[in-house]
Amino acid sequence: MDREEWKTTAGFLFASIGSAVGLGSIWRFPYIFNQYGGSSFLLAYIIAVLIIGLPLMFLEFAIGRKFKGSVITVFSSLNKKFKSLGFLPVIVNFFTLSYYIVIVGWVFGYFIESFLITKIDFNYYSNSFMPTLATFLSLLISSAIVYFGIEKGIEKFSKIFMPLFFVILLAMLAFILTFPKGIEGILYYFKIDFSRQIDPKILLFAASQALYSLSLGTGIMITYGSYLSKKENIPKSSIIIALSVVMTALINSMILFGFIYSNEKEVISGSKLAFEVMPEIFSKIKFGQVIQPLFFLLLFIAGLTSTISMKEVVVASLIDELKWSRKKSSFVLFFVLLAISMIISLNYSGFILPEISLLEKFDFIFGSLLLILSSIIISAIFSWSWNTRSLLEEVDIKLENISRKLDKFVEKDVFLLILRFVAPICLMILLLLELKTVFFL
């Protein structure tokens, strides 16, 4: 069976950016940006994107395009003995998707409710059956898009909704700049504090955010890379994707900081910021009834494009390994995910095992520990076991027009050094820090 390919470069870029610009970038970045030193964290984050994020993205796209297969297939193609390791990224995607779609469901539910209710009460909302219904609808929408394949499904959706995403993002930035304290709030949170040093802890958290925000370590970019044609310039595309993700995180942070500062609220973590603080702000400000649904539409597009990419990793693996059709793979995955996500949704609402938070446990195990482990494996296995010449030819950083010596130095000394030593060591330290929170609370 011939493998599908992206029809256009724009479609591939929008799909990849959509995968990377998930809910984590929208509400996780502003919180850790504020918590870990503002401008100090921003500088560390940019450094992490450059020295860890981009090389890993180069590698993942190159792996997919060279071996033309899903995650398990490319591990097996490299060496049969590595095939079992390829199951880890697929498992991480599957279980991350099973709880992530619940959060996307909350966003979708809030988007619908925004047209009906001025101020939405999260406690009331989360303890009803509405989140479960919204989870089902979100899963149905993402499954339908993946069902139609790369060109007619994922690429078509991304080319329509990602431009809409950026239009809404920029419109909201323009809106917050009209607030009396909007610009003041942005300057307050983005102020440069020379007294804050970039300590190793900040660098590690920045590396973690770079990993999460660029969709690395889960095989998503390997899978998307497998649909790339040979004419695509991997380094150029990767830089565009990374730059888009960083700029989106910064613009979104400006928007949230402007709203929060203008309304004398605090920057808090995760779902509380999106589902409690922001609706309260929207209920009080002028044009809040218009801004609120746009805000949740923005979140929904970000979340949906991420779920699509995670789902494609699993579907592609079923197609390649079990020789199922895309139709069968999509249907089976839909019903299995439906069962698990319904349990997680009902659990969070207090209807099933209320004493255990399945969402938080899944997030820590699959969205943190195993994600980092998967990233270490991908970086180490392919940088050491893949033929060096073949790897560098597939990536082709293309600096020879400037200087052949510079091209050779960047590719052989810098690029390989990062993949083989810097990235795995940083990620290993991150993993140990995460494990420390379990055993040494």
Protein backbone atom coordinates (compact mmCIF):
# COMPACT_ATOMS: atom_id res chain seq x y z
CA MET A 1 0.00 0.00 0.00
CA ASP A 2 1.42 3.40 -1.03
CA ARG A 3 1.97 5.74 1.89
CA GLU A 4 0.04 9.01 1.88
CA GLU A 5 1.93 12.28 1.61
CA TRP A 6 1.22 15.86 2.54
CA LYS A 7 -0.17 17.57 -0.54
CA THR A 8 1.31 20.97 0.32
CA THR A 9 4.08 22.34 2.52
CA ALA A 10 1.55 24.72 4.10
CA GLY A 11 -0.69 21.81 5.06
CA PHE A 12 2.22 19.97 6.70
CA LEU A 13 3.35 23.10 8.57
CA PHE A 14 -0.13 23.98 9.81
CA ALA A 15 -0.73 20.39 10.97
CA SER A 16 2.62 20.26 12.79
CA ILE A 17 2.16 23.69 14.38
CA GLY A 18 -1.37 22.67 15.41
CA SER A 19 -0.03 19.53 17.04
CA ALA A 20 2.58 21.49 18.96
CA VAL A 21 0.33 24.39 19.97
CA GLY A 22 -1.77 22.33 22.36
CA LEU A 23 -3.52 23.19 25.59
CA GLY A 24 -0.23 22.86 27.45
CA SER A 25 1.26 25.77 25.53
CA ILE A 26 -1.87 27.86 26.04
CA TRP A 27 -2.27 27.53 29.82
CA ARG A 28 0.92 25.82 31.04
CA PHE A 29 3.41 28.27 29.55
CA PRO A 30 2.05 31.49 31.18
CA TYR A 31 2.02 29.87 34.61
CA ILE A 32 5.56 28.47 34.55
CA PHE A 33 6.79 31.62 32.78
CA ASN A 34 5.54 33.64 35.75
CA GLN A 35 6.58 31.09 38.39
CA TYR A 36 10.16 30.62 37.21
CA GLY A 37 11.36 34.17 36.77
CA GLY A 38 9.59 35.70 33.77
CA SER A 39 12.30 37.01 31.46
CA SER A 40 14.87 34.61 32.99
CA PHE A 41 12.65 31.66 32.13
CA LEU A 42 11.94 33.05 28.67
CA LEU A 43 15.65 33.24 27.86
CA ALA A 44 16.17 29.70 29.21
CA TYR A 45 13.17 28.46 27.19
CA ILE A 46 14.48 29.95 23.95
CA ILE A 47 17.90 28.38 24.62
CA ALA A 48 16.22 25.01 25.30
CA VAL A 49 14.21 25.22 22.07
CA LEU A 50 17.40 25.97 20.12
CA ILE A 51 19.76 23.42 21.64
CA ILE A 52 17.36 20.59 22.51
CA GLY A 53 14.00 21.14 20.81
CA LEU A 54 15.14 21.85 17.26
CA PRO A 55 17.73 19.03 17.04
CA LEU A 56 15.16 16.54 18.34
CA MET A 57 12.60 17.83 15.82
CA PHE A 58 15.16 17.51 13.01
CA LEU A 59 15.77 13.93 14.14
CA GLU A 60 12.11 12.91 14.42
CA PHE A 61 11.13 14.29 11.01
CA ALA A 62 14.21 12.66 9.47
CA ILE A 63 13.40 9.28 11.08
CA GLY A 64 9.85 9.31 9.74
CA ARG A 65 10.79 10.37 6.23
CA LYS A 66 13.74 7.98 5.90
CA PHE A 67 11.99 4.82 7.13
CA LYS A 68 8.50 5.76 5.85
CA GLY A 69 6.57 4.14 8.65
CA SER A 70 4.77 4.51 11.95
CA VAL A 71 6.71 4.62 15.22
CA ILE A 72 6.91 0.86 15.80
CA THR A 73 7.81 0.27 12.17
CA VAL A 74 10.72 2.73 12.17
CA PHE A 75 12.22 1.20 15.32
CA SER A 76 11.97 -2.22 13.68
CA SER A 77 13.44 -0.88 10.42
CA LEU A 78 16.45 0.47 12.30
CA ASN A 79 17.00 -2.88 14.02
CA LYS A 80 14.59 -5.74 14.74
CA LYS A 81 15.75 -5.89 18.37
CA PHE A 82 14.51 -2.31 18.91
CA LYS A 83 10.95 -3.04 17.81
CA SER A 84 9.63 -3.50 21.35
CA LEU A 85 10.90 -0.01 22.27
CA GLY A 86 8.69 1.45 19.56
CA PHE A 87 5.59 0.45 21.51
CA LEU A 88 6.36 2.97 24.28
CA PRO A 89 5.65 6.17 22.27
CA VAL A 90 2.42 4.61 20.96
CA ILE A 91 1.31 3.66 24.48
CA VAL A 92 2.17 7.17 25.72
CA ASN A 93 0.06 8.69 22.92
CA PHE A 94 -2.87 6.37 23.52
CA PHE A 95 -3.18 6.92 27.26
CA THR A 96 -2.34 10.63 27.06
CA LEU A 97 -5.08 10.95 24.48
CA SER A 98 -7.56 9.10 26.72
CA TYR A 99 -7.46 11.85 29.37
CA TYR A 100 -6.45 14.78 27.14
CA ILE A 101 -9.68 14.40 25.15
CA VAL A 102 -11.59 14.85 28.43
CA ILE A 103 -9.97 18.28 28.91
CA VAL A 104 -10.67 19.14 25.27
CA GLY A 105 -14.26 18.13 26.03
CA TRP A 106 -14.39 20.64 28.87
CA VAL A 107 -13.20 23.34 26.48
CA PHE A 108 -15.79 22.36 23.87
CA GLY A 109 -18.50 22.35 26.53
CA TYR A 110 -17.44 25.81 27.71
CA PHE A 111 -17.47 27.06 24.11
CA ILE A 112 -21.10 25.93 23.72
CA GLU A 113 -22.13 27.18 27.17
CA SER A 114 -20.52 30.57 26.46
CA PHE A 115 -23.39 31.37 24.11
CA LEU A 116 -25.94 30.59 26.82
CA ILE A 117 -24.39 31.62 30.16
CA THR A 118 -22.48 34.80 31.02
CA LYS A 119 -20.47 33.23 33.86
CA ILE A 120 -19.89 29.48 33.91
CA ASP A 121 -19.39 27.77 37.29
CA PHE A 122 -16.69 25.10 36.86
CA ASN A 123 -17.66 23.12 39.98
CA TYR A 124 -21.28 22.92 38.85
CA TYR A 125 -20.23 22.16 35.28
CA SER A 126 -17.66 19.47 36.17
CA ASN A 127 -20.07 17.67 38.50
CA SER A 128 -22.69 17.26 35.79
CA PHE A 129 -22.95 14.94 32.77
CA MET A 130 -22.20 17.81 30.36
CA PRO A 131 -18.39 17.18 30.34
CA THR A 132 -18.98 13.53 29.42
CA LEU A 133 -21.23 14.49 26.50
CA ALA A 134 -18.73 17.13 25.36
CA THR A 135 -15.90 14.55 25.58
CA PHE A 136 -17.88 12.18 23.36
CA LEU A 137 -18.50 14.92 20.77
CA SER A 138 -14.84 16.03 20.80
CA LEU A 139 -13.67 12.45 20.32
CA LEU A 140 -16.17 12.00 17.49
CA ILE A 141 -14.95 15.14 15.69
CA SER A 142 -11.25 14.25 15.99
CA SER A 143 -11.92 10.63 14.93
CA ALA A 144 -13.81 11.79 11.83
CA ILE A 145 -10.90 14.02 10.78
CA VAL A 146 -8.35 11.20 11.18
CA TYR A 147 -10.72 8.78 9.42
CA PHE A 148 -10.48 10.86 6.21
CA GLY A 149 -6.69 10.53 6.13
CA ILE A 150 -3.81 12.93 5.66
CA GLU A 151 -4.78 15.05 2.65
CA LYS A 152 -8.58 15.05 2.98
CA GLY A 153 -8.71 14.97 6.76
CA ILE A 154 -5.79 16.30 8.82
CA GLU A 155 -4.29 18.60 6.20
CA LYS A 156 -7.62 20.05 5.07
CA PHE A 157 -8.74 20.69 8.65
CA SER A 158 -5.40 22.28 9.60
CA LYS A 159 -5.33 24.60 6.57
CA ILE A 160 -8.77 25.95 7.50
CA PHE A 161 -8.68 26.10 11.30
CA MET A 162 -5.05 27.00 12.07
CA PRO A 163 -5.27 30.31 10.14
CA LEU A 164 -8.53 30.93 12.03
CA PHE A 165 -6.65 30.17 15.26
CA PHE A 166 -4.03 32.84 14.50
CA VAL A 167 -6.66 35.39 13.44
CA ILE A 168 -8.46 34.95 16.78
CA LEU A 169 -5.16 35.06 18.67
CA LEU A 170 -4.08 38.35 17.07
CA ALA A 171 -7.58 39.84 17.41
CA MET A 172 -7.55 39.09 21.15
CA LEU A 173 -4.08 40.66 21.46
CA ALA A 174 -5.36 43.80 19.72
CA PHE A 175 -8.36 43.81 22.06
CA ILE A 176 -6.30 43.56 25.27
CA LEU A 177 -4.05 46.40 24.09
CA THR A 178 -7.09 48.68 24.22
CA PHE A 179 -7.52 48.02 27.96
CA PRO A 180 -6.42 50.88 30.26
CA LYS A 181 -4.04 48.52 32.07
CA GLY A 182 -3.52 46.02 29.27
CA ILE A 183 -0.09 47.21 28.13
CA GLU A 184 0.88 47.93 31.74
CA GLY A 185 0.06 44.31 32.66
CA ILE A 186 2.10 42.92 29.78
CA LEU A 187 5.09 45.08 30.72
CA TYR A 188 4.72 44.10 34.37
CA TYR A 189 4.98 40.36 33.73
CA PHE A 190 7.56 40.67 30.95
CA LYS A 191 9.85 43.04 32.84
CA ILE A 192 13.53 42.11 32.81
CA ASP A 193 14.77 41.28 36.28
CA PHE A 194 18.59 41.22 36.31
CA SER A 195 18.58 40.04 39.93
CA ARG A 196 17.13 36.68 38.84
CA GLN A 197 19.82 34.33 37.66
CA ILE A 198 19.21 31.46 35.26
CA ASP A 199 19.87 28.60 37.65
CA PRO A 200 19.99 24.92 36.59
CA LYS A 201 16.45 24.32 37.85
CA ILE A 202 15.04 26.99 35.54
CA LEU A 203 17.01 25.52 32.62
CA LEU A 204 15.58 22.07 33.30
CA PHE A 205 12.00 23.32 33.50
CA ALA A 206 12.60 25.28 30.30
CA ALA A 207 13.85 22.08 28.63
CA SER A 208 10.73 20.30 29.84
CA GLN A 209 8.48 23.02 28.39
CA ALA A 210 10.40 22.93 25.10
CA LEU A 211 9.77 19.19 24.89
CA TYR A 212 6.05 19.50 25.66
CA SER A 213 5.41 22.55 23.51
CA LEU A 214 7.04 21.10 20.37
CA SER A 215 5.23 17.71 20.53
CA LEU A 216 8.50 15.81 20.86
CA GLY A 217 9.16 12.39 22.35
CA THR A 218 5.81 10.82 21.57
CA GLY A 219 6.41 9.87 17.94
CA ILE A 220 4.02 12.51 16.59
CA MET A 221 6.69 14.22 14.50
CA ILE A 222 8.04 10.82 13.42
CA THR A 223 4.57 9.91 12.14
CA TYR A 224 4.03 13.29 10.46
CA GLY A 225 7.54 13.03 9.03
CA SER A 226 6.67 9.70 7.41
CA TYR A 227 4.24 11.59 5.13
CA LEU A 228 6.94 14.06 4.01
CA SER A 229 8.29 14.08 0.49
CA LYS A 230 12.02 14.25 -0.18
CA LYS A 231 11.73 17.81 -1.48
CA GLU A 232 10.85 19.21 1.94
CA ASN A 233 13.63 21.02 3.80
CA ILE A 234 13.50 19.54 7.32
CA PRO A 235 15.62 22.19 9.13
CA LYS A 236 13.72 25.07 7.49
CA SER A 237 10.31 23.55 8.29
CA SER A 238 11.37 22.76 11.86
CA ILE A 239 12.53 26.33 12.45
CA ILE A 240 9.21 27.70 11.14
CA ILE A 241 7.27 25.34 13.41
CA ALA A 242 9.39 26.13 16.48
CA LEU A 243 9.24 29.88 15.85
CA SER A 244 5.45 29.72 15.42
CA VAL A 245 5.05 27.78 18.66
CA VAL A 246 7.28 30.18 20.65
CA MET A 247 5.52 33.26 19.24
CA THR A 248 2.09 31.74 19.95
CA ALA A 249 3.07 31.02 23.55
CA LEU A 250 4.34 34.59 23.99
CA ILE A 251 1.32 36.26 22.38
CA ASN A 252 -1.07 34.09 24.37
CA SER A 253 0.82 34.97 27.57
CA MET A 254 0.52 38.67 26.75
CA ILE A 255 -3.24 38.24 26.31
CA LEU A 256 -3.71 36.36 29.58
CA PHE A 257 -1.39 38.65 31.54
CA GLY A 258 -3.22 41.69 30.19
CA PHE A 259 -6.61 40.31 31.25
CA ILE A 260 -5.33 39.14 34.64
CA TYR A 261 -3.48 42.33 35.55
CA SER A 262 -6.34 44.56 34.40
CA ASN A 263 -8.75 42.67 36.64
CA GLU A 264 -6.37 42.27 39.60
CA LYS A 265 -6.29 38.48 39.49
CA GLU A 266 -3.41 36.07 40.01
CA VAL A 267 -1.66 33.84 37.48
CA ILE A 268 -2.54 30.32 38.61
CA SER A 269 -1.77 26.92 37.11
CA GLY A 270 -3.59 24.66 34.71
CA SER A 271 -7.32 24.26 34.37
CA LYS A 272 -8.25 26.80 37.08
CA LEU A 273 -6.83 29.62 34.98
CA ALA A 274 -8.87 28.67 31.91
CA PHE A 275 -12.06 27.41 33.54
CA GLU A 276 -12.39 29.58 36.65
CA VAL A 277 -10.36 32.79 36.44
CA MET A 278 -10.95 33.68 32.79
CA PRO A 279 -14.77 33.12 32.81
CA GLU A 280 -14.99 35.34 35.90
CA ILE A 281 -13.04 38.06 34.07
CA PHE A 282 -15.17 37.72 30.94
CA SER A 283 -18.36 38.08 32.99
CA LYS A 284 -17.22 41.53 34.17
CA ILE A 285 -15.57 43.15 31.16
CA LYS A 286 -17.11 44.99 28.22
CA PHE A 287 -17.75 42.69 25.24
CA GLY A 288 -17.10 39.71 27.50
CA GLN A 289 -19.98 37.77 25.94
CA VAL A 290 -18.16 38.00 22.59
CA ILE A 291 -14.60 37.44 23.85
CA GLN A 292 -15.45 34.38 25.98
CA PRO A 293 -16.62 32.09 23.13
CA LEU A 294 -13.69 33.25 20.99
CA PHE A 295 -11.28 32.39 23.81
CA PHE A 296 -12.69 28.88 24.17
CA LEU A 297 -12.81 28.40 20.41
CA LEU A 298 -9.09 29.25 20.43
CA LEU A 299 -8.48 26.64 23.13
CA PHE A 300 -10.65 24.08 21.34
CA ILE A 301 -8.73 24.40 18.05
CA ALA A 302 -5.43 24.08 19.96
CA GLY A 303 -6.64 21.02 21.84
CA LEU A 304 -8.30 19.36 18.86
CA THR A 305 -5.26 19.63 16.58
CA SER A 306 -3.18 17.97 19.31
CA THR A 307 -5.66 15.11 19.76
CA ILE A 308 -5.69 14.57 16.00
CA SER A 309 -1.91 14.18 15.91
CA MET A 310 -1.89 11.78 18.89
CA LYS A 311 -4.65 9.74 17.31
CA GLU A 312 -2.78 9.58 14.01
CA VAL A 313 0.24 8.03 15.77
CA VAL A 314 -1.91 5.14 17.01
CA VAL A 315 -3.92 4.76 13.79
CA ALA A 316 -0.75 4.72 11.68
CA SER A 317 0.70 2.01 13.95
CA LEU A 318 -2.43 -0.14 13.59
CA ILE A 319 -2.31 0.28 9.80
CA ASP A 320 1.38 -0.64 9.54
CA GLU A 321 1.60 -3.39 12.16
CA LEU A 322 -1.79 -5.12 11.87
CA LYS A 323 -2.36 -4.27 8.19
CA TRP A 324 -5.77 -2.82 9.01
CA SER A 325 -7.42 -0.25 6.80
CA ARG A 326 -7.60 3.36 8.01
CA LYS A 327 -11.36 2.92 8.32
CA LYS A 328 -11.09 -0.11 10.62
CA SER A 329 -8.23 1.39 12.64
CA SER A 330 -10.15 4.63 13.20
CA PHE A 331 -13.34 2.86 14.25
CA VAL A 332 -11.64 0.45 16.67
CA LEU A 333 -9.58 3.24 18.25
CA PHE A 334 -12.67 5.43 18.59
CA PHE A 335 -14.61 2.85 20.61
CA VAL A 336 -11.66 1.86 22.82
CA LEU A 337 -10.86 5.48 23.58
CA LEU A 338 -14.52 6.20 24.14
CA ALA A 339 -14.72 3.58 26.88
CA ILE A 340 -11.60 4.82 28.71
CA SER A 341 -12.30 8.55 28.30
CA MET A 342 -15.88 8.10 29.55
CA ILE A 343 -14.55 6.43 32.70
CA ILE A 344 -12.04 9.24 33.27
CA SER A 345 -14.67 11.91 32.63
CA LEU A 346 -17.21 10.29 34.96
CA ASN A 347 -14.47 9.78 37.54
CA TYR A 348 -13.59 13.48 37.52
CA SER A 349 -17.28 14.36 37.85
CA GLY A 350 -17.49 12.12 40.91
CA PHE A 351 -19.74 9.43 39.48
CA ILE A 352 -17.08 6.66 39.37
CA LEU A 353 -14.36 6.05 42.01
CA PRO A 354 -14.52 9.62 43.37
CA GLU A 355 -11.70 8.93 45.85
CA ILE A 356 -9.18 8.47 42.98
CA SER A 357 -8.25 11.15 40.44
CA LEU A 358 -7.62 9.10 37.30
CA LEU A 359 -6.91 12.18 35.19
CA GLU A 360 -4.11 13.39 37.45
CA LYS A 361 -2.58 9.91 37.75
CA PHE A 362 -2.67 9.38 33.98
CA ASP A 363 -1.18 12.83 33.42
CA PHE A 364 1.75 12.15 35.75
CA ILE A 365 2.47 8.62 34.49
CA PHE A 366 1.94 9.07 30.74
CA GLY A 367 2.11 12.84 30.28
CA SER A 368 5.25 13.24 32.35
CA LEU A 369 7.31 10.16 33.36
CA LEU A 370 6.85 7.98 30.28
CA LEU A 371 6.89 10.97 27.93
CA ILE A 372 10.37 11.91 29.14
CA LEU A 373 11.53 8.27 29.00
CA SER A 374 10.19 7.97 25.45
CA SER A 375 12.11 11.11 24.44
CA ILE A 376 15.34 9.71 25.89
CA ILE A 377 14.91 6.44 23.99
CA ILE A 378 14.19 8.13 20.65
CA SER A 379 17.12 10.53 20.98
CA ALA A 380 19.64 7.95 22.18
CA ILE A 381 18.67 4.95 20.03
CA PHE A 382 18.51 6.74 16.69
CA SER A 383 21.47 9.10 17.21
CA TRP A 384 23.75 6.19 18.18
CA SER A 385 22.40 3.29 16.11
CA TRP A 386 21.39 4.97 12.86
CA ASN A 387 24.23 5.23 10.37
CA THR A 388 25.73 8.69 10.94
CA ARG A 389 26.18 9.50 7.27
CA SER A 390 22.61 8.48 6.46
CA LEU A 391 21.26 10.52 9.37
CA LEU A 392 23.14 13.68 8.38
CA GLU A 393 22.16 13.28 4.71
CA GLU A 394 18.48 12.97 5.68
CA VAL A 395 18.55 16.04 7.92
CA ASP A 396 20.93 18.11 5.73
CA ILE A 397 21.19 21.37 7.68
CA LYS A 398 22.36 23.11 4.47
CA LEU A 399 25.04 25.49 5.70
CA GLU A 400 27.50 24.63 2.93
CA ASN A 401 26.51 27.77 0.98
CA ILE A 402 27.89 29.83 3.87
CA SER A 403 30.89 27.66 4.68
CA ARG A 404 31.64 23.98 4.21
CA LYS A 405 33.63 23.98 7.45
CA LEU A 406 30.69 25.55 9.32
CA ASP A 407 28.28 23.01 7.78
CA LYS A 408 30.49 20.10 8.83
CA PHE A 409 31.01 21.54 12.32
CA VAL A 410 27.28 22.16 12.97
CA GLU A 411 26.19 18.78 11.65
CA LYS A 412 28.90 16.45 12.97
CA ASP A 413 30.00 18.24 16.13
CA VAL A 414 27.06 20.31 17.38
CA PHE A 415 24.02 18.37 16.10
CA LEU A 416 25.31 14.90 16.98
CA LEU A 417 26.71 16.08 20.33
CA ILE A 418 23.28 17.38 21.35
CA LEU A 419 21.43 14.25 20.24
CA ARG A 420 23.88 11.80 21.78
CA PHE A 421 24.79 13.55 25.01
CA VAL A 422 23.16 16.90 25.85
CA ALA A 423 19.50 16.00 25.21
CA PRO A 424 19.56 12.51 26.83
CA ILE A 425 21.43 13.79 29.92
CA CYS A 426 19.07 16.77 30.40
CA LEU A 427 16.05 14.53 29.93
CA MET A 428 17.45 11.93 32.33
CA ILE A 429 17.87 14.60 35.01
CA LEU A 430 14.28 15.71 34.37
CA LEU A 431 13.10 12.13 34.77
CA LEU A 432 14.99 11.77 38.05
CA LEU A 433 13.47 15.03 39.33
CA GLU A 434 9.99 13.75 38.47
CA LEU A 435 10.69 10.44 40.23
CA LYS A 436 12.00 12.35 43.23
CA THR A 437 8.56 13.91 43.69
CA VAL A 438 7.13 10.40 44.04
CA PHE A 439 9.60 8.91 46.48
CA PHE A 440 10.67 12.01 48.41
CA LEU A 441 7.54 14.09 48.85
